[in-house]
Protein backbone atom coordinates (compact mmCIF):
# COMPACT_ATOMS: atom_id res chain seq x y z
CA MET A 1 -0.34 0.09 0.11
CA LYS A 2 2.78 2.22 1.53
CA ALA A 3 4.97 1.46 -2.28
CA VAL A 4 1.12 2.19 -4.35
CA LEU A 5 0.88 5.75 -2.60
CA PHE A 6 4.43 6.55 -2.72
CA LEU A 7 4.02 5.62 -6.83
CA PHE A 8 1.29 7.45 -7.10
CA ALA A 9 2.82 11.12 -5.81
CA LEU A 10 5.75 10.44 -8.14
CA VAL A 11 3.88 10.00 -11.21
CA CYS A 12 1.51 13.28 -9.91
CA THR A 13 5.05 15.19 -9.90
CA LEU A 14 5.94 14.34 -13.10
CA TRP A 15 2.69 14.94 -14.66
CA GLN A 16 2.66 18.60 -13.33
CA CYS A 17 6.76 18.97 -14.45
CA VAL A 18 5.01 17.63 -17.84
CA HIS A 19 1.81 20.52 -18.41
CA ALA A 20 4.49 23.03 -16.50
CA GLN A 21 5.79 22.95 -19.90
CA ILE A 22 3.09 23.43 -22.75
CA PRO A 23 2.65 26.33 -24.03
CA SER A 24 0.09 28.91 -22.31
CA GLU A 25 -2.62 29.71 -24.32
CA GLN A 26 -1.22 33.66 -24.83
CA GLU A 27 2.29 32.17 -26.26
CA GLN A 28 0.16 29.51 -28.52
CA HIS A 29 -2.22 32.96 -29.84
CA VAL A 30 1.46 34.88 -30.65
CA THR A 31 3.17 31.95 -32.25
CA SER A 32 0.25 30.71 -34.35
CA PHE A 33 0.17 34.92 -35.22
CA PHE A 34 3.12 34.72 -36.70
CA ASN A 35 3.22 31.61 -37.66
CA SER A 36 0.33 31.67 -40.08
CA HIS A 37 -0.06 33.16 -43.95
CA GLY A 38 -3.68 32.61 -44.37
CA GLY A 39 -2.55 28.14 -44.10
CA SER A 40 -0.21 28.36 -46.31
CA THR A 41 2.49 26.16 -45.27
CA SER A 42 5.71 28.22 -46.54
CA ARG A 43 7.88 28.93 -44.52
CA HIS A 44 9.48 32.32 -45.97
CA THR A 45 9.23 35.99 -44.75
CA ASN A 46 10.10 37.71 -48.37
CA ASN A 47 9.62 37.41 -52.06
CA TRP A 48 11.35 38.26 -54.48
CA ALA A 49 11.20 38.66 -58.76
CA VAL A 50 13.65 38.33 -61.17
CA LEU A 51 11.89 38.49 -64.60
CA VAL A 52 14.06 38.28 -67.74
CA CYS A 53 13.20 39.36 -71.42
CA SER A 54 15.77 38.16 -73.62
CA SER A 55 14.84 39.65 -76.87
CA ARG A 56 15.36 42.90 -78.48
CA TYR A 57 14.24 44.87 -81.36
CA TRP A 58 11.19 45.70 -82.57
CA PHE A 59 9.60 42.89 -83.94
CA ASN A 60 9.76 41.36 -80.63
CA TYR A 61 7.24 43.44 -79.07
CA ARG A 62 5.20 40.86 -77.84
CA HIS A 63 8.78 39.41 -75.82
CA MET A 64 8.93 43.27 -73.85
CA ALA A 65 5.06 42.79 -72.82
CA ASN A 66 5.36 39.80 -71.57
CA ALA A 67 7.86 40.98 -69.07
CA LEU A 68 6.04 43.91 -68.67
CA GLY A 69 2.80 42.07 -67.74
CA MET A 70 4.26 40.14 -64.90
CA TYR A 71 6.82 42.99 -63.89
CA ARG A 72 3.49 44.97 -63.26
CA THR A 73 1.60 41.78 -61.67
CA VAL A 74 3.92 40.96 -59.05
CA LYS A 75 3.60 44.79 -58.32
CA ARG A 76 0.14 45.02 -57.93
CA LEU A 77 0.47 41.59 -55.30
CA GLY A 78 2.92 43.61 -53.34
CA ILE A 79 5.72 42.45 -54.05
CA PRO A 80 7.98 46.39 -53.97
CA ASP A 81 10.62 47.57 -57.01
CA SER A 82 13.49 46.37 -54.77
CA ASN A 83 13.17 43.30 -54.47
CA ILE A 84 12.57 43.30 -58.58
CA ILE A 85 15.13 42.34 -60.96
CA LEU A 86 14.11 43.24 -64.26
CA MET A 87 16.13 43.08 -67.02
CA LEU A 88 14.94 44.48 -70.70
CA ALA A 89 16.33 45.84 -73.89
CA ASP A 90 14.27 48.63 -73.18
CA ASP A 91 14.10 49.72 -76.92
CA THR A 92 10.63 49.01 -77.71
CA ALA A 93 9.02 52.14 -76.19
CA CYS A 94 10.67 54.57 -77.53
CA ASN A 95 11.08 53.23 -81.07
CA SER A 96 10.55 55.60 -83.83
CA ARG A 97 8.14 52.90 -85.43
CA ASN A 98 6.09 52.88 -82.33
CA LYS A 99 3.27 54.81 -82.75
CA PHE A 100 2.38 55.30 -79.29
CA PRO A 101 5.82 56.78 -78.37
CA GLY A 102 6.66 55.98 -74.88
CA CYS A 103 4.04 53.17 -74.15
CA VAL A 104 4.08 49.09 -74.06
CA TYR A 105 0.70 47.46 -74.80
CA ALA A 106 -0.62 43.76 -74.04
CA SER A 107 -4.08 44.13 -76.48
CA ALA A 108 -4.75 45.60 -79.24
CA ALA A 109 -7.74 47.41 -77.59
CA ARG A 110 -4.27 49.22 -76.04
CA ASP A 111 -6.87 49.29 -72.91
CA LEU A 112 -3.75 49.11 -70.41
CA ASP A 113 -0.07 50.57 -70.68
CA LEU A 114 2.14 48.77 -69.28
CA TYR A 115 5.38 51.18 -69.75
CA GLY A 116 3.11 54.44 -68.15
CA ASP A 117 5.37 56.72 -65.21
CA ASN A 118 6.31 53.65 -62.63
CA ILE A 119 8.80 51.14 -64.25
CA GLU A 120 12.65 50.77 -62.44
CA VAL A 121 14.28 48.43 -65.31
CA ASP A 122 17.74 47.01 -63.57
CA TYR A 123 18.88 46.02 -66.56
CA ARG A 124 18.54 47.69 -69.67
CA GLY A 125 19.67 47.15 -73.34
CA TYR A 126 22.42 45.79 -73.98
CA GLU A 127 23.54 44.95 -70.13
CA VAL A 128 21.15 42.36 -70.87
CA THR A 129 23.49 39.17 -71.22
CA VAL A 130 23.37 35.52 -69.85
CA GLU A 131 26.80 36.87 -67.64
CA ASN A 132 24.55 39.61 -65.66
CA PHE A 133 21.70 36.76 -64.86
CA ILE A 134 24.00 34.29 -63.77
CA ARG A 135 25.60 36.66 -61.63
CA VAL A 136 22.38 38.13 -60.03
CA LEU A 137 21.06 34.52 -59.01
CA THR A 138 24.48 33.68 -57.58
CA GLY A 139 25.00 36.73 -55.93
CA ARG A 140 28.88 37.00 -57.69
CA MET A 141 28.83 40.71 -57.65
CA ASP A 142 31.22 43.16 -58.20
CA PRO A 143 31.49 45.41 -55.29
CA SER A 144 30.45 48.48 -57.00
CA VAL A 145 27.48 47.38 -58.10
CA PRO A 146 24.43 49.01 -56.18
CA ARG A 147 22.40 47.27 -54.45
CA SER A 148 19.00 47.68 -56.66
CA LYS A 149 21.30 45.83 -59.50
CA ARG A 150 21.87 42.81 -56.32
CA LEU A 151 18.89 40.05 -55.57
CA LEU A 152 19.70 39.59 -51.52
CA THR A 153 17.68 36.83 -51.25
CA ASP A 154 18.10 34.55 -47.93
CA ASP A 155 17.11 30.91 -46.57
CA ARG A 156 13.32 32.34 -45.92
CA SER A 157 13.71 33.62 -49.42
CA ASN A 158 10.65 32.67 -52.26
CA VAL A 159 12.16 33.74 -55.33
CA PHE A 160 9.98 34.13 -58.14
CA VAL A 161 12.26 33.54 -61.97
CA TYR A 162 10.22 34.61 -65.28
CA MET A 163 12.01 33.85 -68.91
CA THR A 164 10.27 34.68 -72.22
CA GLY A 165 12.20 35.23 -75.44
CA HIS A 166 13.75 32.93 -78.16
CA GLY A 167 14.41 29.08 -77.81
CA GLY A 168 14.76 25.73 -78.94
CA ASN A 169 16.00 22.40 -77.04
CA GLU A 170 17.28 23.40 -73.64
CA PHE A 171 18.62 26.65 -74.75
CA LEU A 172 17.63 30.07 -74.34
CA LYS A 173 18.67 33.08 -76.73
CA PHE A 174 20.04 36.40 -75.68
CA GLN A 175 19.47 39.10 -77.62
CA ASP A 176 20.74 37.53 -80.51
CA ASN A 177 23.82 37.18 -79.27
CA GLU A 178 24.50 34.29 -76.83
CA GLU A 179 22.56 31.24 -75.38
CA ILE A 180 22.15 30.25 -71.95
CA SER A 181 21.16 26.96 -71.46
CA ALA A 182 19.46 24.41 -69.48
CA PHE A 183 22.52 23.29 -67.65
CA ASP A 184 23.16 26.89 -67.07
CA ILE A 185 19.96 27.82 -65.08
CA ALA A 186 20.56 24.31 -63.14
CA ASP A 187 23.72 24.63 -61.83
CA ALA A 188 23.12 28.16 -60.87
CA PHE A 189 19.72 27.55 -59.29
CA GLU A 190 22.51 24.88 -56.82
CA GLN A 191 24.64 27.37 -56.17
CA MET A 192 22.13 29.18 -54.94
CA TRP A 193 20.50 26.47 -52.59
CA GLN A 194 24.52 25.69 -51.53
CA LYS A 195 24.43 29.57 -50.48
CA LYS A 196 20.94 29.60 -48.70
CA ARG A 197 19.58 32.32 -51.13
CA TYR A 198 16.27 30.71 -51.65
CA ASN A 199 13.40 29.02 -49.53
CA GLU A 200 11.86 27.75 -52.49
CA ILE A 201 11.34 28.61 -56.51
CA PHE A 202 9.13 28.61 -59.30
CA PHE A 203 10.44 29.51 -62.59
CA MET A 204 7.93 29.60 -65.33
CA ILE A 205 9.40 30.58 -69.16
CA ASP A 206 7.32 31.35 -71.96
CA THR A 207 9.66 30.87 -75.36
CA CYS A 208 9.61 27.51 -77.69
CA GLN A 209 10.22 24.00 -76.59
CA ALA A 210 10.37 26.05 -73.20
CA ASN A 211 9.75 22.78 -71.33
CA THR A 212 13.34 21.35 -72.15
CA MET A 213 14.55 24.69 -70.05
CA TYR A 214 13.41 23.15 -66.33
CA SER A 215 14.03 19.12 -67.57
CA LYS A 216 18.36 19.22 -65.73
CA PHE A 217 17.40 21.12 -63.00
CA TYR A 218 17.98 19.30 -59.55
CA SER A 219 17.99 21.14 -56.35
CA PRO A 220 15.21 20.65 -54.16
CA ASN A 221 12.19 23.23 -53.69
CA ILE A 222 12.10 24.37 -57.39
CA LEU A 223 8.82 24.48 -58.34
CA ALA A 224 8.90 25.07 -62.47
CA THR A 225 6.09 25.20 -65.62
CA GLY A 226 7.24 26.15 -69.56
CA SER A 227 4.34 26.93 -71.96
CA SER A 228 5.93 23.98 -74.93
CA GLU A 229 7.04 20.70 -74.73
CA LEU A 230 10.00 19.69 -76.86
CA ASP A 231 9.33 20.55 -80.65
CA GLU A 232 6.78 22.68 -80.07
CA ASN A 233 6.93 26.38 -80.88
CA SER A 234 4.97 29.15 -78.28
CA TYR A 235 2.49 31.17 -80.05
CA SER A 236 1.44 34.86 -80.63
CA HIS A 237 -1.70 35.55 -79.27
CA GLU A 238 -2.84 38.38 -80.69
CA ASN A 239 -2.08 40.83 -83.81
CA ASP A 240 -1.74 45.06 -83.64
CA ARG A 241 -2.76 46.50 -87.50
CA ASP A 242 -1.61 49.65 -86.15
CA LEU A 243 1.71 48.56 -84.74
CA GLY A 244 1.87 45.70 -87.61
CA ILE A 245 3.37 43.29 -85.54
CA SER A 246 2.41 40.80 -82.73
CA VAL A 247 2.00 42.35 -78.86
CA ILE A 248 1.93 39.18 -76.57
CA ASP A 249 2.37 35.40 -76.52
CA ARG A 250 -0.62 32.90 -76.01
CA PHE A 251 0.81 31.69 -72.74
CA THR A 252 1.77 34.71 -70.56
CA HIS A 253 -1.35 36.32 -72.11
CA HIS A 254 -3.99 33.72 -70.62
CA ILE A 255 -1.24 33.31 -67.14
CA LEU A 256 -1.72 37.21 -66.90
CA ARG A 257 -5.51 37.17 -67.40
CA PHE A 258 -5.83 34.51 -64.79
CA MET A 259 -4.20 36.56 -62.33
CA GLU A 260 -6.34 39.54 -62.61
CA GLY A 261 -8.72 37.65 -60.15
CA VAL A 262 -6.03 37.28 -57.56
CA ASN A 263 -5.39 40.05 -54.73
CA LYS A 264 -2.77 39.84 -52.10
CA THR A 265 -5.08 38.22 -49.33
CA SER A 266 -6.46 35.70 -52.09
CA GLN A 267 -6.54 31.90 -51.42
CA ALA A 268 -6.07 30.64 -54.75
CA THR A 269 -3.39 28.23 -55.59
CA MET A 270 -0.44 26.90 -57.13
CA GLN A 271 -2.60 24.05 -58.78
CA ASP A 272 -5.92 26.47 -59.66
CA LEU A 273 -3.39 28.24 -61.70
CA PHE A 274 -2.33 24.29 -63.44
CA ASN A 275 -5.95 23.56 -63.78
CA VAL A 276 -6.65 26.16 -66.23
CA TYR A 277 -4.33 24.84 -68.69
CA ASP A 278 -5.44 24.57 -72.36
CA TYR A 279 -4.12 23.18 -75.09
CA GLU A 280 -6.67 24.83 -77.42
CA LYS A 281 -5.88 28.07 -75.80
CA PHE A 282 -2.22 27.74 -75.57
CA MET A 283 -2.10 25.39 -79.18
CA SER A 284 0.87 24.09 -77.31
CA HIS A 285 1.49 21.82 -74.18
CA ALA A 286 2.24 23.67 -71.49
CA GLY A 287 3.38 21.75 -68.63
CA VAL A 288 4.40 21.37 -65.10
CA ARG A 289 7.65 19.88 -62.88
CA SER A 290 7.26 19.52 -59.57
CA ASP A 291 8.96 16.41 -58.12
CA LEU A 292 11.73 18.34 -57.07
CA PHE A 293 9.03 20.47 -55.10
CA ARG A 294 8.18 19.90 -51.68
CA ARG A 295 4.76 20.69 -51.02
CA PRO A 296 1.60 19.84 -52.53
CA LEU A 297 0.12 22.40 -54.85
CA ASP A 298 -3.15 22.68 -53.61
CA GLN A 299 -2.01 24.19 -50.79
CA THR A 300 0.47 26.40 -51.74
CA TYR A 301 -0.83 29.20 -52.60
CA ILE A 302 0.00 31.59 -55.88
CA THR A 303 0.67 34.45 -53.55
CA ASP A 304 3.32 32.37 -51.37
CA PHE A 305 5.15 32.86 -55.06
CA PHE A 306 3.81 36.38 -57.12
CA GLY A 307 2.42 38.33 -53.67
CA GLY A 308 4.53 40.26 -50.98
CA VAL A 309 2.03 38.51 -48.27
CA SER A 310 3.94 35.86 -45.82
CA GLN A 311 5.21 35.58 -42.64
CA ALA A 312 7.39 37.30 -39.44
CA GLU A 313 10.15 35.37 -38.24
CA VAL A 314 9.93 35.56 -34.44
CA MET A 315 13.03 36.24 -32.82
CA SER A 316 14.52 35.40 -29.85
CA PRO A 317 17.18 38.69 -29.50
CA PRO A 318 16.35 42.08 -26.81
CA LEU A 319 14.94 44.64 -28.51
CA SER A 320 17.68 47.41 -28.63
CA LEU A 321 15.83 50.85 -27.98
CA SER A 322 17.21 54.04 -28.28
CA PRO A 323 16.00 57.40 -28.65
CA SER A 324 15.39 58.19 -32.41
CA SER A 325 15.56 62.12 -31.19
CA ASN A 326 19.08 62.03 -29.55
CA GLU A 327 21.11 60.34 -31.55
CA GLY A 328 24.53 61.21 -31.60
CA SER A 329 23.82 62.81 -27.80
CA GLU A 330 24.80 61.00 -24.62
CA PRO A 331 22.58 58.94 -23.00
CA GLU A 332 20.32 59.78 -20.17
CA ASN A 333 20.23 58.37 -17.16
CA VAL A 334 17.33 55.72 -17.16
CA PRO A 335 16.70 54.45 -12.83
CA GLU A 336 17.20 50.96 -13.50
CA SER A 337 13.41 50.30 -12.65
CA GLU A 338 12.54 51.53 -15.97
CA LEU A 339 15.33 49.92 -17.70
CA PRO A 340 13.16 48.12 -20.64
CA VAL A 341 12.99 44.50 -20.36
CA GLU A 342 14.03 41.39 -22.88
CA LEU A 343 10.90 40.53 -25.16
CA ASP A 344 9.70 36.59 -25.04
CA GLN A 345 6.93 35.20 -26.81
CA SER A 346 4.33 36.15 -23.89
CA LEU A 347 3.87 39.89 -24.68
CA ASP A 348 1.50 40.92 -27.25
CA PHE A 349 3.05 41.94 -30.38
CA THR A 350 -0.01 41.71 -32.41
CA SER A 351 -0.29 45.65 -31.83
CA TRP A 352 2.56 46.42 -33.68
CA ILE A 353 1.82 44.59 -36.81
CA SER A 354 0.57 47.18 -39.74
CA SER A 355 -2.82 46.16 -40.65
CA ASP A 356 -2.11 46.85 -43.91
CA THR A 357 -1.23 43.31 -45.15
CA ASN A 358 2.27 44.56 -47.19
CA ALA A 359 2.94 46.57 -44.92
CA THR A 360 6.37 45.19 -43.20
CA VAL A 361 6.11 45.10 -39.28
CA ARG A 362 6.86 47.99 -38.04
CA SER A 363 9.37 48.63 -35.12
CA ALA A 364 8.03 49.20 -31.93
CA ASP A 365 9.97 52.48 -31.73
CA GLU A 366 8.08 54.05 -34.24
CA VAL A 367 4.57 52.61 -32.94
CA TYR A 368 4.87 53.82 -29.44
CA GLY A 369 7.64 55.89 -28.97
CA TYR A 370 10.91 55.61 -26.74
CA ASP A 371 8.94 56.65 -23.41
CA GLY A 372 5.90 54.63 -24.41
CA ILE A 373 7.96 51.60 -25.03
CA LEU A 374 9.99 52.15 -21.67
CA HIS A 375 6.34 51.96 -20.07
CA GLU A 376 4.46 49.56 -22.30
CA LEU A 377 7.48 46.27 -21.54
CA ASN A 378 7.85 47.38 -17.71
CA SER A 379 4.50 47.26 -17.15
CA ARG A 380 3.71 43.87 -19.03
CA ALA A 381 6.89 42.74 -17.94
CA HIS A 382 6.82 43.12 -14.64
CA ALA A 383 2.59 43.02 -14.15
CA PRO A 384 2.09 39.53 -12.70
CA LYS A 385 1.34 36.60 -15.15
CA GLN A 386 -1.51 34.71 -14.08
CA GLY A 387 -0.60 31.15 -15.98
CA GLU A 388 2.90 31.41 -14.64
CA ASN A 389 1.52 31.66 -11.51
CA MET A 390 -0.87 28.99 -11.83
CA GLN A 391 2.54 26.66 -12.60
CA SER A 392 4.44 27.91 -9.70
CA VAL A 393 1.67 27.13 -7.65
CA ARG A 394 1.14 23.71 -9.12
CA ALA A 395 5.27 23.08 -8.28
CA TRP A 396 5.14 23.76 -5.00
CA VAL A 397 1.84 21.20 -4.04
CA SER A 398 3.24 18.53 -5.57
CA THR A 399 6.53 18.92 -4.04
CA GLY A 400 5.17 18.85 -0.55
CA LEU A 401 2.72 16.34 -0.64
CA LEU A 402 5.80 14.27 -2.84
CA VAL A 403 8.28 15.25 0.64
CA ALA A 404 4.88 14.75 3.18
CA LEU A 405 4.29 11.58 1.52
CA VAL A 406 7.96 10.50 1.58
CA GLY A 407 7.88 11.58 5.30
CA TRP A 408 4.98 9.32 6.26
CA VAL A 409 6.41 6.14 4.69
CA GLY A 410 10.01 6.57 6.68
CA SER A 411 7.94 7.18 9.75
CA ASN A 412 5.74 3.92 9.79
CA THR A 413 8.54 2.13 8.48
CA THR A 414 10.96 2.76 11.77
């Protein structure tokens, strides 16, 4: 009987210790807030886009329209210009044969100017080369290259890579001067993976025999799609008689048309996008390669690659506070009792988050001000925490019961 009571007390104590490790309801709420992305299973915290039009000259007008159409889409869905690398010959809008100077349209109706006055071309004209494209991906840049021309990604970055131009079996021409092969891109992606320059990549290409360009990929977490199979052409969609040329390709046109129904908070998935692929529309067999991709396509949101909606990562280092208005001056003598304490996950971070889904997390100094932060942190840190108090009481009660039972057993034995 005594042995049974002793065993019961020991089990109760162990249960209390395990229960004390279970996060409180508030901690679970904060964790779920930061780790959720509307149900997305992606772990990324930032989005980047690399958009490449590898053609030049007036008769390749449609390729420039393809790239600008993608540029407009990713900007509309929240990726800022600072996170977009646009490589464009940029010789069409102001071409002497352009009947509508300074404009680029993707339809004969000319209802939307893709060029406009809010476009940032990072690599223009003869800067659009195979070497520069590989350097952008791998980060092997000369120190003199400005930040605006760099792909500053990390292991939490989702990268959308779009390419359009003239190509063939496992190659894509760059301005009728050189070619990039499927091996080159595959090796560049592998370098990115080894250097922790991406979390996931979505590769899309619109060219003849496009699907051969992703056939050599071997790095993890890459999803790829192309406009046509081996020995198939990628066709233009619409001609503008006033311009005398084609203004957009079929594959890109229908992709952009689908994307017009997607917004920043949309829960449309990549599977929804691939479901609209139709030979009757494309006049070619568009392909998808997902064997390297670790997530189910029906759980991968389009905004995971096309949008600026992403997760916030909870960091553990203490918050460094300094009065912005007193920069360069001697620090004030702050009483020890008013010094800020180290943040923990039990604090309510949700009030520091912008309501705009496209905005980044604002710093505490921007929301409260320096004095407000001190008051907020100390009032919360020094206030009684009901969950912690209850865990402490349970631990002490269990310890007391264990000691009493051990003493009782010992006294009866003697």
